[in-house]
Amino acid sequence: MTKEELVELFSNLHPEDSTGQMIGEVHLADGRVMKTDSLRVDMDGGRIIISEKHSSMHEATKKNWIQELIFYRNKKRRSA
C-alpha cells in the first residue's frame, strides 16, 4: 500500500465506515494473531505503528496518535 492509496481510501469513506473504534491485527508467522487498540499512522515516515498491549510502547503509541490528531485538527482550523 502506498501513502497515496491510503489517502484515496480514507477520503472516500462511506459514512458507516467513518465512526467507531479501530483494532490492529498482526498475523504472526507461527499462526498467532496479535490484536491491539494501540495504532498510529505516521505519514511522514510512511509507517503504520502497531504496539502490543503489554509492550513498553503501547501507551506511547496511543498518545503519539492523539498528538498527530491534534496537530491535524489545528492545521485544518488555521486554514479555514
PDB file of N, CA and C in Angstrom:
ATOM      1  N   MET A   1       0.842  -1.173   0.000  1.00  0.00           N
ATOM      2  CA  MET A   1       0.000   0.000   0.000  1.00  0.00           C
ATOM      3  C   MET A   1       0.889   1.239   0.000  1.00  0.00           C
ATOM      4  N   THR A   2       0.489   2.230  -0.766  1.00  0.00           N
ATOM      5  CA  THR A   2       1.230   3.492  -0.799  1.00  0.00           C
ATOM      6  C   THR A   2       0.480   4.546   0.008  1.00  0.00           C
ATOM      7  N   LYS A   3       1.173   5.633   0.329  1.00  0.00           N
ATOM      8  CA  LYS A   3       0.518   6.745   1.027  1.00  0.00           C
ATOM      9  C   LYS A   3      -0.644   7.276   0.194  1.00  0.00           C
ATOM     10  N   GLU A   4      -0.419   7.396  -1.103  1.00  0.00           N
ATOM     11  CA  GLU A   4      -1.456   7.922  -1.995  1.00  0.00           C
ATOM     12  C   GLU A   4      -2.706   7.043  -1.956  1.00  0.00           C
ATOM     13  N   GLU A   5      -2.507   5.728  -1.940  1.00  0.00           N
ATOM     14  CA  GLU A   5      -3.648   4.812  -1.888  1.00  0.00           C
ATOM     15  C   GLU A   5      -4.390   4.934  -0.558  1.00  0.00           C
ATOM     16  N   LEU A   6      -3.641   5.092   0.520  1.00  0.00           N
ATOM     17  CA  LEU A   6      -4.259   5.247   1.833  1.00  0.00           C
ATOM     18  C   LEU A   6      -5.083   6.532   1.900  1.00  0.00           C
ATOM     19  N   VAL A   7      -4.533   7.631   1.400  1.00  0.00           N
ATOM     20  CA  VAL A   7      -5.256   8.910   1.382  1.00  0.00           C
ATOM     21  C   VAL A   7      -6.512   8.790   0.521  1.00  0.00           C
ATOM     22  N   GLU A   8      -6.394   8.163  -0.639  1.00  0.00           N
ATOM     23  CA  GLU A   8      -7.555   7.982  -1.521  1.00  0.00           C
ATOM     24  C   GLU A   8      -8.643   7.169  -0.818  1.00  0.00           C
ATOM     25  N   LEU A   9      -8.245   6.099  -0.172  1.00  0.00           N
ATOM     26  CA  LEU A   9      -9.198   5.247   0.526  1.00  0.00           C
ATOM     27  C   LEU A   9      -9.939   6.013   1.614  1.00  0.00           C
ATOM     28  N   PHE A  10      -9.204   6.753   2.446  1.00  0.00           N
ATOM     29  CA  PHE A  10      -9.824   7.458   3.559  1.00  0.00           C
ATOM     30  C   PHE A  10     -10.589   8.702   3.130  1.00  0.00           C
ATOM     31  N   SER A  11     -10.298   9.260   1.974  1.00  0.00           N
ATOM     32  CA  SER A  11     -11.008  10.466   1.543  1.00  0.00           C
ATOM     33  C   SER A  11     -12.379  10.147   0.955  1.00  0.00           C
ATOM     34  N   ASN A  12     -12.663   8.878   0.695  1.00  0.00           N
ATOM     35  CA  ASN A  12     -13.940   8.498   0.087  1.00  0.00           C
ATOM     36  C   ASN A  12     -14.683   7.444   0.895  1.00  0.00           C
ATOM     37  N   LEU A  13     -14.578   7.501   2.221  1.00  0.00           N
ATOM     38  CA  LEU A  13     -15.228   6.503   3.064  1.00  0.00           C
ATOM     39  C   LEU A  13     -16.742   6.673   3.075  1.00  0.00           C
ATOM     40  N   HIS A  14     -17.435   5.556   3.123  1.00  0.00           N
ATOM     41  CA  HIS A  14     -18.876   5.559   3.335  1.00  0.00           C
ATOM     42  C   HIS A  14     -19.112   5.999   4.781  1.00  0.00           C
ATOM     43  N   PRO A  15     -20.181   6.778   5.050  1.00  0.00           N
ATOM     44  CA  PRO A  15     -20.414   7.277   6.414  1.00  0.00           C
ATOM     45  C   PRO A  15     -20.371   6.195   7.498  1.00  0.00           C
ATOM     46  N   GLU A  16     -20.888   5.007   7.214  1.00  0.00           N
ATOM     47  CA  GLU A  16     -20.879   3.958   8.243  1.00  0.00           C
ATOM     48  C   GLU A  16     -19.468   3.440   8.529  1.00  0.00           C
ATOM     49  N   ASP A  17     -18.525   3.706   7.640  1.00  0.00           N
ATOM     50  CA  ASP A  17     -17.141   3.271   7.829  1.00  0.00           C
ATOM     51  C   ASP A  17     -16.280   4.335   8.497  1.00  0.00           C
ATOM     52  N   SER A  18     -16.864   5.471   8.839  1.00  0.00           N
ATOM     53  CA  SER A  18     -16.054   6.581   9.352  1.00  0.00           C
ATOM     54  C   SER A  18     -16.240   6.842  10.847  1.00  0.00           C
ATOM     55  N   THR A  19     -16.897   5.931  11.559  1.00  0.00           N
ATOM     56  CA  THR A  19     -17.048   6.074  13.009  1.00  0.00           C
ATOM     57  C   THR A  19     -16.737   4.749  13.689  1.00  0.00           C
ATOM     58  N   GLY A  20     -16.419   4.819  14.971  1.00  0.00           N
ATOM     59  CA  GLY A  20     -16.155   3.610  15.747  1.00  0.00           C
ATOM     60  C   GLY A  20     -14.673   3.396  15.985  1.00  0.00           C
ATOM     61  N   GLN A  21     -14.375   2.367  16.721  1.00  0.00           N
ATOM     62  CA  GLN A  21     -13.003   2.049  17.106  1.00  0.00           C
ATOM     63  C   GLN A  21     -12.270   1.295  15.999  1.00  0.00           C
ATOM     64  N   MET A  22     -10.952   1.418  16.010  1.00  0.00           N
ATOM     65  CA  MET A  22     -10.085   0.652  15.109  1.00  0.00           C
ATOM     66  C   MET A  22      -9.280  -0.328  15.953  1.00  0.00           C
ATOM     67  N   ILE A  23      -9.136  -1.533  15.465  1.00  0.00           N
ATOM     68  CA  ILE A  23      -8.320  -2.555  16.109  1.00  0.00           C
ATOM     69  C   ILE A  23      -7.283  -3.013  15.096  1.00  0.00           C
ATOM     70  N   GLY A  24      -6.034  -3.059  15.540  1.00  0.00           N
ATOM     71  CA  GLY A  24      -4.973  -3.567  14.685  1.00  0.00           C
ATOM     72  C   GLY A  24      -4.823  -5.064  14.870  1.00  0.00           C
ATOM     73  N   GLU A  25      -4.612  -5.778  13.786  1.00  0.00           N
ATOM     74  CA  GLU A  25      -4.339  -7.209  13.837  1.00  0.00           C
ATOM     75  C   GLU A  25      -3.017  -7.469  13.143  1.00  0.00           C
ATOM     76  N   VAL A  26      -2.167  -8.233  13.818  1.00  0.00           N
ATOM     77  CA  VAL A  26      -0.903  -8.653  13.221  1.00  0.00           C
ATOM     78  C   VAL A  26      -0.927 -10.174  13.177  1.00  0.00           C
ATOM     79  N   HIS A  27      -0.801 -10.733  11.983  1.00  0.00           N
ATOM     80  CA  HIS A  27      -0.793 -12.181  11.805  1.00  0.00           C
ATOM     81  C   HIS A  27       0.663 -12.637  11.777  1.00  0.00           C
ATOM     82  N   LEU A  28       1.063 -13.346  12.827  1.00  0.00           N
ATOM     83  CA  LEU A  28       2.455 -13.750  13.005  1.00  0.00           C
ATOM     84  C   LEU A  28       2.757 -15.044  12.261  1.00  0.00           C
ATOM     85  N   ALA A  29       4.036 -15.271  11.990  1.00  0.00           N
ATOM     86  CA  ALA A  29       4.471 -16.436  11.221  1.00  0.00           C
ATOM     87  C   ALA A  29       4.084 -17.751  11.889  1.00  0.00           C
ATOM     88  N   ASP A  30       4.005 -17.771  13.208  1.00  0.00           N
ATOM     89  CA  ASP A  30       3.672 -19.016  13.914  1.00  0.00           C
ATOM     90  C   ASP A  30       2.166 -19.256  14.011  1.00  0.00           C
ATOM     91  N   GLY A  31       1.365 -18.418  13.344  1.00  0.00           N
ATOM     92  CA  GLY A  31      -0.078 -18.601  13.319  1.00  0.00           C
ATOM     93  C   GLY A  31      -0.835 -17.790  14.355  1.00  0.00           C
ATOM     94  N   ARG A  32      -0.135 -17.205  15.304  1.00  0.00           N
ATOM     95  CA  ARG A  32      -0.816 -16.381  16.300  1.00  0.00           C
ATOM     96  C   ARG A  32      -1.282 -15.071  15.666  1.00  0.00           C
ATOM     97  N   VAL A  33      -2.331 -14.505  16.259  1.00  0.00           N
ATOM     98  CA  VAL A  33      -2.842 -13.206  15.830  1.00  0.00           C
ATOM     99  C   VAL A  33      -2.786 -12.277  17.038  1.00  0.00           C
ATOM    100  N   MET A  34      -2.068 -11.176  16.890  1.00  0.00           N
ATOM    101  CA  MET A  34      -1.994 -10.171  17.943  1.00  0.00           C
ATOM    102  C   MET A  34      -2.981  -9.062  17.592  1.00  0.00           C
ATOM    103  N   LYS A  35      -3.845  -8.700  18.543  1.00  0.00           N
ATOM    104  CA  LYS A  35      -4.803  -7.615  18.341  1.00  0.00           C
ATOM    105  C   LYS A  35      -4.510  -6.525  19.357  1.00  0.00           C
ATOM    106  N   THR A  36      -4.661  -5.268  18.933  1.00  0.00           N
ATOM    107  CA  THR A  36      -4.398  -4.144  19.825  1.00  0.00           C
ATOM    108  C   THR A  36      -5.181  -2.914  19.393  1.00  0.00           C
ATOM    109  N   ASP A  37      -5.414  -2.026  20.356  1.00  0.00           N
ATOM    110  CA  ASP A  37      -6.050  -0.744  20.054  1.00  0.00           C
ATOM    111  C   ASP A  37      -5.008   0.367  19.977  1.00  0.00           C
ATOM    112  N   SER A  38      -3.737   0.013  20.048  1.00  0.00           N
ATOM    113  CA  SER A  38      -2.649   0.994  20.030  1.00  0.00           C
ATOM    114  C   SER A  38      -2.082   1.090  18.615  1.00  0.00           C
ATOM    115  N   LEU A  39      -2.650   2.012  17.844  1.00  0.00           N
ATOM    116  CA  LEU A  39      -2.304   2.188  16.431  1.00  0.00           C
ATOM    117  C   LEU A  39      -1.884   3.625  16.186  1.00  0.00           C
ATOM    118  N   ARG A  40      -0.981   3.797  15.250  1.00  0.00           N
ATOM    119  CA  ARG A  40      -0.599   5.156  14.846  1.00  0.00           C
ATOM    120  C   ARG A  40      -0.206   5.134  13.374  1.00  0.00           C
ATOM    121  N   VAL A  41      -0.766   6.047  12.610  1.00  0.00           N
ATOM    122  CA  VAL A  41      -0.382   6.211  11.213  1.00  0.00           C
ATOM    123  C   VAL A  41       0.621   7.355  11.169  1.00  0.00           C
ATOM    124  N   ASP A  42       1.838   7.046  10.774  1.00  0.00           N
ATOM    125  CA  ASP A  42       2.924   8.030  10.677  1.00  0.00           C
ATOM    126  C   ASP A  42       3.131   8.333   9.200  1.00  0.00           C
ATOM    127  N   MET A  43       2.437   9.356   8.700  1.00  0.00           N
ATOM    128  CA  MET A  43       2.507   9.670   7.274  1.00  0.00           C
ATOM    129  C   MET A  43       3.886  10.174   6.879  1.00  0.00           C
ATOM    130  N   ASP A  44       4.556  10.940   7.749  1.00  0.00           N
ATOM    131  CA  ASP A  44       5.913  11.412   7.433  1.00  0.00           C
ATOM    132  C   ASP A  44       6.846  10.240   7.164  1.00  0.00           C
ATOM    133  N   GLY A  45       6.796   9.259   8.049  1.00  0.00           N
ATOM    134  CA  GLY A  45       7.695   8.112   7.941  1.00  0.00           C
ATOM    135  C   GLY A  45       7.158   6.990   7.080  1.00  0.00           C
ATOM    136  N   GLY A  46       5.889   7.098   6.655  1.00  0.00           N
ATOM    137  CA  GLY A  46       5.298   6.054   5.827  1.00  0.00           C
ATOM    138  C   GLY A  46       5.115   4.749   6.589  1.00  0.00           C
ATOM    139  N   ARG A  47       4.693   4.859   7.861  1.00  0.00           N
ATOM    140  CA  ARG A  47       4.560   3.659   8.687  1.00  0.00           C
ATOM    141  C   ARG A  47       3.186   3.608   9.352  1.00  0.00           C
ATOM    142  N   ILE A  48       2.723   2.408   9.584  1.00  0.00           N
ATOM    143  CA  ILE A  48       1.607   2.176  10.482  1.00  0.00           C
ATOM    144  C   ILE A  48       2.215   1.449  11.674  1.00  0.00           C
ATOM    145  N   ILE A  49       2.150   2.086  12.836  1.00  0.00           N
ATOM    146  CA  ILE A  49       2.796   1.563  14.034  1.00  0.00           C
ATOM    147  C   ILE A  49       1.729   0.876  14.885  1.00  0.00           C
ATOM    148  N   ILE A  50       1.974  -0.381  15.211  1.00  0.00           N
ATOM    149  CA  ILE A  50       1.051  -1.194  15.995  1.00  0.00           C
ATOM    150  C   ILE A  50       1.817  -1.698  17.209  1.00  0.00           C
ATOM    151  N   SER A  51       1.324  -1.378  18.409  1.00  0.00           N
ATOM    152  CA  SER A  51       2.034  -1.766  19.630  1.00  0.00           C
ATOM    153  C   SER A  51       1.198  -2.739  20.455  1.00  0.00           C
ATOM    154  N   GLU A  52       1.817  -3.839  20.825  1.00  0.00           N
ATOM    155  CA  GLU A  52       1.154  -4.864  21.625  1.00  0.00           C
ATOM    156  C   GLU A  52       0.750  -4.306  22.991  1.00  0.00           C
ATOM    157  N   LYS A  53      -0.364  -4.790  23.518  1.00  0.00           N
ATOM    158  CA  LYS A  53      -0.935  -4.242  24.749  1.00  0.00           C
ATOM    159  C   LYS A  53       0.050  -4.170  25.910  1.00  0.00           C
ATOM    160  N   HIS A  54       0.848  -5.167  26.136  1.00  0.00           N
ATOM    161  CA  HIS A  54       1.742  -5.173  27.297  1.00  0.00           C
ATOM    162  C   HIS A  54       3.163  -4.726  26.954  1.00  0.00           C
ATOM    163  N   SER A  55       3.356  -4.155  25.777  1.00  0.00           N
ATOM    164  CA  SER A  55       4.689  -3.676  25.394  1.00  0.00           C
ATOM    165  C   SER A  55       4.958  -2.311  26.021  1.00  0.00           C
ATOM    166  N   SER A  56       6.217  -1.948  26.040  1.00  0.00           N
ATOM    167  CA  SER A  56       6.592  -0.645  26.606  1.00  0.00           C
ATOM    168  C   SER A  56       6.096   0.519  25.748  1.00  0.00           C
ATOM    169  N   MET A  57       5.740   0.272  24.503  1.00  0.00           N
ATOM    170  CA  MET A  57       5.318   1.342  23.590  1.00  0.00           C
ATOM    171  C   MET A  57       3.800   1.484  23.458  1.00  0.00           C
ATOM    172  N   HIS A  58       3.027   0.633  24.110  1.00  0.00           N
ATOM    173  CA  HIS A  58       1.571   0.642  23.950  1.00  0.00           C
ATOM    174  C   HIS A  58       0.971   2.017  24.233  1.00  0.00           C
ATOM    175  N   GLU A  59       1.204   2.561  25.408  1.00  0.00           N
ATOM    176  CA  GLU A  59       0.629   3.860  25.766  1.00  0.00           C
ATOM    177  C   GLU A  59       1.260   5.000  24.969  1.00  0.00           C
ATOM    178  N   ALA A  60       2.560   4.918  24.715  1.00  0.00           N
ATOM    179  CA  ALA A  60       3.241   5.973  23.945  1.00  0.00           C
ATOM    180  C   ALA A  60       2.674   6.069  22.536  1.00  0.00           C
ATOM    181  N   THR A  61       2.406   4.935  21.914  1.00  0.00           N
ATOM    182  CA  THR A  61       1.850   4.935  20.561  1.00  0.00           C
ATOM    183  C   THR A  61       0.471   5.578  20.560  1.00  0.00           C
ATOM    184  N   LYS A  62      -0.361   5.240  21.540  1.00  0.00           N
ATOM    185  CA  LYS A  62      -1.691   5.844  21.627  1.00  0.00           C
ATOM    186  C   LYS A  62      -1.591   7.354  21.846  1.00  0.00           C
ATOM    187  N   LYS A  63      -0.682   7.790  22.726  1.00  0.00           N
ATOM    188  CA  LYS A  63      -0.516   9.223  22.991  1.00  0.00           C
ATOM    189  C   LYS A  63       0.018   9.952  21.762  1.00  0.00           C
ATOM    190  N   ASN A  64       0.956   9.336  21.053  1.00  0.00           N
ATOM    191  CA  ASN A  64       1.508   9.963  19.850  1.00  0.00           C
ATOM    192  C   ASN A  64       0.435  10.124  18.785  1.00  0.00           C
ATOM    193  N   TRP A  65      -0.465   9.167  18.679  1.00  0.00           N
ATOM    194  CA  TRP A  65      -1.545   9.284  17.711  1.00  0.00           C
ATOM    195  C   TRP A  65      -2.448  10.457  18.071  1.00  0.00           C
ATOM    196  N   ILE A  66      -2.730  10.637  19.352  1.00  0.00           N
ATOM    197  CA  ILE A  66      -3.551  11.766  19.792  1.00  0.00           C
ATOM    198  C   ILE A  66      -2.866  13.078  19.417  1.00  0.00           C
ATOM    199  N   GLN A  67      -1.552  13.160  19.590  1.00  0.00           N
ATOM    200  CA  GLN A  67      -0.803  14.367  19.211  1.00  0.00           C
ATOM    201  C   GLN A  67      -0.899  14.617  17.707  1.00  0.00           C
ATOM    202  N   GLU A  68      -0.802  13.557  16.896  1.00  0.00           N
ATOM    203  CA  GLU A  68      -0.941  13.690  15.438  1.00  0.00           C
ATOM    204  C   GLU A  68      -2.321  14.256  15.105  1.00  0.00           C
ATOM    205  N   LEU A  69      -3.340  13.760  15.777  1.00  0.00           N
ATOM    206  CA  LEU A  69      -4.708  14.193  15.526  1.00  0.00           C
ATOM    207  C   LEU A  69      -4.901  15.656  15.915  1.00  0.00           C
ATOM    208  N   ILE A  70      -4.358  16.065  17.044  1.00  0.00           N
ATOM    209  CA  ILE A  70      -4.435  17.464  17.477  1.00  0.00           C
ATOM    210  C   ILE A  70      -3.739  18.369  16.467  1.00  0.00           C
ATOM    211  N   PHE A  71      -2.556  17.968  15.997  1.00  0.00           N
ATOM    212  CA  PHE A  71      -1.819  18.742  15.001  1.00  0.00           C
ATOM    213  C   PHE A  71      -2.654  18.912  13.734  1.00  0.00           C
ATOM    214  N   TYR A  72      -3.252  17.826  13.251  1.00  0.00           N
ATOM    215  CA  TYR A  72      -4.071  17.871  12.042  1.00  0.00           C
ATOM    216  C   TYR A  72      -5.271  18.798  12.229  1.00  0.00           C
ATOM    217  N   ARG A  73      -5.959  18.666  13.365  1.00  0.00           N
ATOM    218  CA  ARG A  73      -7.150  19.493  13.604  1.00  0.00           C
ATOM    219  C   ARG A  73      -6.793  20.964  13.721  1.00  0.00           C
ATOM    220  N   ASN A  74      -5.681  21.278  14.375  1.00  0.00           N
ATOM    221  CA  ASN A  74      -5.241  22.676  14.477  1.00  0.00           C
ATOM    222  C   ASN A  74      -4.873  23.234  13.110  1.00  0.00           C
ATOM    223  N   LYS A  75      -4.196  22.443  12.300  1.00  0.00           N
ATOM    224  CA  LYS A  75      -3.822  22.861  10.945  1.00  0.00           C
ATOM    225  C   LYS A  75      -5.073  23.115  10.110  1.00  0.00           C
ATOM    226  N   LYS A  76      -6.048  22.238  10.227  1.00  0.00           N
ATOM    227  CA  LYS A  76      -7.302  22.372   9.492  1.00  0.00           C
ATOM    228  C   LYS A  76      -8.044  23.633   9.933  1.00  0.00           C
ATOM    229  N   ARG A  77      -8.051  23.902  11.237  1.00  0.00           N
ATOM    230  CA  ARG A  77      -8.722  25.079  11.788  1.00  0.00           C
ATOM    231  C   ARG A  77      -8.067  26.363  11.294  1.00  0.00           C
ATOM    232  N   ARG A  78      -6.723  26.388  11.242  1.00  0.00           N
ATOM    233  CA  ARG A  78      -5.999  27.587  10.789  1.00  0.00           C
ATOM    234  C   ARG A  78      -6.242  27.880   9.317  1.00  0.00           C
ATOM    235  N   SER A  79      -6.448  26.836   8.518  1.00  0.00           N
ATOM    236  CA  SER A  79      -6.630  27.052   7.081  1.00  0.00           C
ATOM    237  C   SER A  79      -8.077  27.379   6.724  1.00  0.00           C
ATOM    238  N   ALA A  80      -8.978  27.266   7.683  1.00  0.00           N
ATOM    239  CA  ALA A  80     -10.407  27.534   7.410  1.00  0.00           C
ATOM    240  C   ALA A  80     -10.711  29.016   7.398  1.00  0.00           C
TER     241      ALA A  80
END
